[in-house]
Amino acid sequence: MSRSPLRRFLDKAVSGEATNLIAEGVVIDGYIKGIGHLIVAGRIKGDCKLAGTITVSDTGRWQGQIEAERILIAGELHGSAHAEKQLEVAATARIEGDVSAPMIAVAKGAVVDGEMHVTGSEGLRTFEEKRASRTGN
């Protein structure tokens, strides 16, 4: 089965990047800046600028502005997200705020209460999530 280069960028191994995990039950209040891959399963209140990939997992909650090369939102975002390359919104995502990227893929079932700005020529893509959620949703 071939994978579309337009989404599923997190299915591929991230090589050469540091991976940081904000585990479920962890709460961070403040500004985050860095490089690598940040996976959020806990809660963050604050803004972030990352040279790399941000994943807000299905248990993750973020309040603030997110800027990164690539962003995957499967949990909750109350704020805005701007991806330099691509942004994926999973079926379990709940977003209150605006999102922008050159390429945006949104799964059926995702809720976005805000504006989507596609800044590239790819347009907005929709897809059906074929993987089961970790929490069974």
C-alpha atoms as a PDB file:
ATOM      1  CA  MET A   1       0.000   0.000   0.000  1.00  0.00           C
ATOM      2  CA  SER A   2       1.538   3.304  -0.983  1.00  0.00           C
ATOM      3  CA  ARG A   3       1.359   6.239   1.350  1.00  0.00           C
ATOM      4  CA  SER A   4       0.446   9.677   0.163  1.00  0.00           C
ATOM      5  CA  PRO A   5       3.267  12.213   0.508  1.00  0.00           C
ATOM      6  CA  LEU A   6       0.568  14.779   1.289  1.00  0.00           C
ATOM      7  CA  ARG A   7      -0.103  13.383   4.776  1.00  0.00           C
ATOM      8  CA  ARG A   8       1.023  10.735   7.237  1.00  0.00           C
ATOM      9  CA  PHE A   9       4.392  12.448   7.645  1.00  0.00           C
ATOM     10  CA  LEU A  10       4.544  11.141  11.210  1.00  0.00           C
ATOM     11  CA  ASP A  11       4.249   7.531  10.044  1.00  0.00           C
ATOM     12  CA  LYS A  12       7.805   7.810   8.800  1.00  0.00           C
ATOM     13  CA  ALA A  13      10.738   7.609  11.179  1.00  0.00           C
ATOM     14  CA  VAL A  14      12.090  10.975  12.196  1.00  0.00           C
ATOM     15  CA  SER A  15      15.844  10.641  11.867  1.00  0.00           C
ATOM     16  CA  GLY A  16      18.382  13.064  13.208  1.00  0.00           C
ATOM     17  CA  GLU A  17      15.865  14.975  15.327  1.00  0.00           C
ATOM     18  CA  ALA A  18      15.611  14.956  19.098  1.00  0.00           C
ATOM     19  CA  THR A  19      12.208  13.818  20.347  1.00  0.00           C
ATOM     20  CA  ASN A  20      10.723  15.342  23.489  1.00  0.00           C
ATOM     21  CA  LEU A  21       7.613  14.046  25.225  1.00  0.00           C
ATOM     22  CA  ILE A  22       5.254  15.989  27.463  1.00  0.00           C
ATOM     23  CA  ALA A  23       3.568  12.991  29.064  1.00  0.00           C
ATOM     24  CA  GLU A  24      -0.046  12.630  30.074  1.00  0.00           C
ATOM     25  CA  GLY A  25      -0.497  14.218  33.512  1.00  0.00           C
ATOM     26  CA  VAL A  26       2.252  16.812  32.939  1.00  0.00           C
ATOM     27  CA  VAL A  27       1.241  20.501  32.838  1.00  0.00           C
ATOM     28  CA  ILE A  28       3.534  23.202  31.432  1.00  0.00           C
ATOM     29  CA  ASP A  29       2.863  26.931  31.663  1.00  0.00           C
ATOM     30  CA  GLY A  30       5.255  29.059  29.595  1.00  0.00           C
ATOM     31  CA  TYR A  31       7.013  29.640  26.280  1.00  0.00           C
ATOM     32  CA  ILE A  32       8.632  26.726  24.430  1.00  0.00           C
ATOM     33  CA  LYS A  33      11.353  27.212  21.804  1.00  0.00           C
ATOM     34  CA  GLY A  34      13.637  24.630  20.246  1.00  0.00           C
ATOM     35  CA  ILE A  35      14.366  22.105  17.527  1.00  0.00           C
ATOM     36  CA  GLY A  36      13.312  18.516  16.983  1.00  0.00           C
ATOM     37  CA  HIS A  37      10.072  16.666  17.532  1.00  0.00           C
ATOM     38  CA  LEU A  38       7.745  17.588  20.400  1.00  0.00           C
ATOM     39  CA  ILE A  39       4.976  15.166  21.349  1.00  0.00           C
ATOM     40  CA  VAL A  40       2.345  16.544  23.725  1.00  0.00           C
ATOM     41  CA  ALA A  41       0.163  14.059  25.600  1.00  0.00           C
ATOM     42  CA  GLY A  42      -0.252  16.383  28.602  1.00  0.00           C
ATOM     43  CA  ARG A  43      -1.323  20.014  28.854  1.00  0.00           C
ATOM     44  CA  ILE A  44       0.477  23.169  27.744  1.00  0.00           C
ATOM     45  CA  LYS A  45      -0.533  26.774  28.315  1.00  0.00           C
ATOM     46  CA  GLY A  46       1.728  29.068  26.352  1.00  0.00           C
ATOM     47  CA  ASP A  47       3.195  29.725  22.941  1.00  0.00           C
ATOM     48  CA  CYS A  48       5.731  27.660  21.005  1.00  0.00           C
ATOM     49  CA  LYS A  49       8.138  28.165  18.131  1.00  0.00           C
ATOM     50  CA  LEU A  50       9.784  24.935  17.040  1.00  0.00           C
ATOM     51  CA  ALA A  51      12.124  24.098  14.180  1.00  0.00           C
ATOM     52  CA  GLY A  52      10.686  20.628  13.713  1.00  0.00           C
ATOM     53  CA  THR A  53       7.441  18.763  14.267  1.00  0.00           C
ATOM     54  CA  ILE A  54       4.789  19.242  16.951  1.00  0.00           C
ATOM     55  CA  THR A  55       2.328  16.455  17.680  1.00  0.00           C
ATOM     56  CA  VAL A  56      -0.592  17.167  20.001  1.00  0.00           C
ATOM     57  CA  SER A  57      -1.784  13.619  20.744  1.00  0.00           C
ATOM     58  CA  ASP A  58      -5.403  12.659  21.344  1.00  0.00           C
ATOM     59  CA  THR A  59      -4.860  13.198  25.096  1.00  0.00           C
ATOM     60  CA  GLY A  60      -2.959  16.464  24.572  1.00  0.00           C
ATOM     61  CA  ARG A  61      -4.367  19.909  25.272  1.00  0.00           C
ATOM     62  CA  TRP A  62      -2.727  23.161  24.139  1.00  0.00           C
ATOM     63  CA  GLN A  63      -3.758  26.724  24.887  1.00  0.00           C
ATOM     64  CA  GLY A  64      -1.719  29.267  22.950  1.00  0.00           C
ATOM     65  CA  GLN A  65      -0.020  29.823  19.606  1.00  0.00           C
ATOM     66  CA  ILE A  66       1.961  27.074  17.884  1.00  0.00           C
ATOM     67  CA  GLU A  67       4.530  27.629  15.122  1.00  0.00           C
ATOM     68  CA  ALA A  68       6.504  24.739  13.632  1.00  0.00           C
ATOM     69  CA  GLU A  69       7.610  23.186  10.351  1.00  0.00           C
ATOM     70  CA  ARG A  70       5.003  20.430  10.646  1.00  0.00           C
ATOM     71  CA  ILE A  71       2.059  20.101  13.023  1.00  0.00           C
ATOM     72  CA  LEU A  72      -0.283  17.215  13.788  1.00  0.00           C
ATOM     73  CA  ILE A  73      -3.259  17.925  16.040  1.00  0.00           C
ATOM     74  CA  ALA A  74      -5.177  14.932  17.378  1.00  0.00           C
ATOM     75  CA  GLY A  75      -6.176  16.491  20.716  1.00  0.00           C
ATOM     76  CA  GLU A  76      -7.397  19.963  21.664  1.00  0.00           C
ATOM     77  CA  LEU A  77      -6.025  23.329  20.589  1.00  0.00           C
ATOM     78  CA  HIS A  78      -7.374  26.594  21.952  1.00  0.00           C
ATOM     79  CA  GLY A  79      -5.359  29.155  20.030  1.00  0.00           C
ATOM     80  CA  SER A  80      -3.697  29.210  16.637  1.00  0.00           C
ATOM     81  CA  ALA A  81      -1.355  26.967  14.678  1.00  0.00           C
ATOM     82  CA  HIS A  82       0.930  27.930  11.800  1.00  0.00           C
ATOM     83  CA  ALA A  83       2.965  25.257  10.017  1.00  0.00           C
ATOM     84  CA  GLU A  84       5.714  26.207   7.579  1.00  0.00           C
ATOM     85  CA  LYS A  85       5.262  22.992   5.572  1.00  0.00           C
ATOM     86  CA  GLN A  86       2.142  21.027   6.483  1.00  0.00           C
ATOM     87  CA  LEU A  87      -0.574  20.658   9.077  1.00  0.00           C
ATOM     88  CA  GLU A  88      -2.672  17.574   9.730  1.00  0.00           C
ATOM     89  CA  VAL A  89      -5.873  17.550  11.792  1.00  0.00           C
ATOM     90  CA  ALA A  90      -6.880  14.075  12.999  1.00  0.00           C
ATOM     91  CA  ALA A  91     -10.453  12.886  13.457  1.00  0.00           C
ATOM     92  CA  THR A  92     -10.153  13.239  17.252  1.00  0.00           C
ATOM     93  CA  ALA A  93      -9.034  16.891  17.049  1.00  0.00           C
ATOM     94  CA  ARG A  94     -10.987  19.790  18.527  1.00  0.00           C
ATOM     95  CA  ILE A  95      -9.641  23.203  17.516  1.00  0.00           C
ATOM     96  CA  GLU A  96     -10.894  26.613  18.624  1.00  0.00           C
ATOM     97  CA  GLY A  97      -8.810  29.065  16.631  1.00  0.00           C
ATOM     98  CA  ASP A  98      -7.207  29.643  13.277  1.00  0.00           C
ATOM     99  CA  VAL A  99      -4.792  27.321  11.470  1.00  0.00           C
ATOM    100  CA  SER A 100      -2.562  27.979   8.469  1.00  0.00           C
ATOM    101  CA  ALA A 101      -0.057  26.076   6.342  1.00  0.00           C
ATOM    102  CA  PRO A 102       0.890  25.576   2.687  1.00  0.00           C
ATOM    103  CA  MET A 103      -0.819  22.179   2.899  1.00  0.00           C
ATOM    104  CA  ILE A 104      -3.611  21.194   5.322  1.00  0.00           C
ATOM    105  CA  ALA A 105      -5.182  17.731   5.662  1.00  0.00           C
ATOM    106  CA  VAL A 106      -8.304  17.353   7.811  1.00  0.00           C
ATOM    107  CA  ALA A 107      -9.805  14.003   8.813  1.00  0.00           C
ATOM    108  CA  LYS A 108     -13.548  13.509   8.706  1.00  0.00           C
ATOM    109  CA  GLY A 109     -14.870  13.963  12.237  1.00  0.00           C
ATOM    110  CA  ALA A 110     -12.417  16.686  13.244  1.00  0.00           C
ATOM    111  CA  VAL A 111     -13.917  19.886  14.658  1.00  0.00           C
ATOM    112  CA  VAL A 112     -12.370  23.224  13.701  1.00  0.00           C
ATOM    113  CA  ASP A 113     -14.058  26.339  15.070  1.00  0.00           C
ATOM    114  CA  GLY A 114     -11.999  28.990  13.322  1.00  0.00           C
ATOM    115  CA  GLU A 115     -10.491  29.842   9.966  1.00  0.00           C
ATOM    116  CA  MET A 116      -8.239  27.662   7.834  1.00  0.00           C
ATOM    117  CA  HIS A 117      -5.741  29.450   5.650  1.00  0.00           C
ATOM    118  CA  VAL A 118      -4.072  27.335   2.971  1.00  0.00           C
ATOM    119  CA  THR A 119      -1.036  29.331   1.903  1.00  0.00           C
ATOM    120  CA  GLY A 120       0.197  26.933  -0.804  1.00  0.00           C
ATOM    121  CA  SER A 121      -1.149  25.579  -4.067  1.00  0.00           C
ATOM    122  CA  GLU A 122      -2.092  22.117  -2.705  1.00  0.00           C
ATOM    123  CA  GLY A 123      -5.414  23.214  -1.268  1.00  0.00           C
ATOM    124  CA  LEU A 124      -7.324  21.662   1.603  1.00  0.00           C
ATOM    125  CA  ARG A 125      -7.404  17.855   1.731  1.00  0.00           C
ATOM    126  CA  THR A 126      -9.880  15.702   3.627  1.00  0.00           C
ATOM    127  CA  PHE A 127      -9.429  12.039   4.507  1.00  0.00           C
ATOM    128  CA  GLU A 128     -10.994   9.272   6.569  1.00  0.00           C
ATOM    129  CA  GLU A 129      -8.939   8.121   9.528  1.00  0.00           C
ATOM    130  CA  LYS A 130      -8.261   4.412   9.064  1.00  0.00           C
ATOM    131  CA  ARG A 131      -6.243   3.906  12.248  1.00  0.00           C
ATOM    132  CA  ALA A 132      -7.879   3.294  15.615  1.00  0.00           C
ATOM    133  CA  SER A 133      -7.332   5.967  18.226  1.00  0.00           C
ATOM    134  CA  ARG A 134      -5.141   5.023  21.174  1.00  0.00           C
ATOM    135  CA  THR A 135      -8.005   5.907  23.518  1.00  0.00           C
ATOM    136  CA  GLY A 136     -10.549   3.985  21.458  1.00  0.00           C
ATOM    137  CA  ASN A 137     -12.449   7.075  20.231  1.00  0.00           C
END
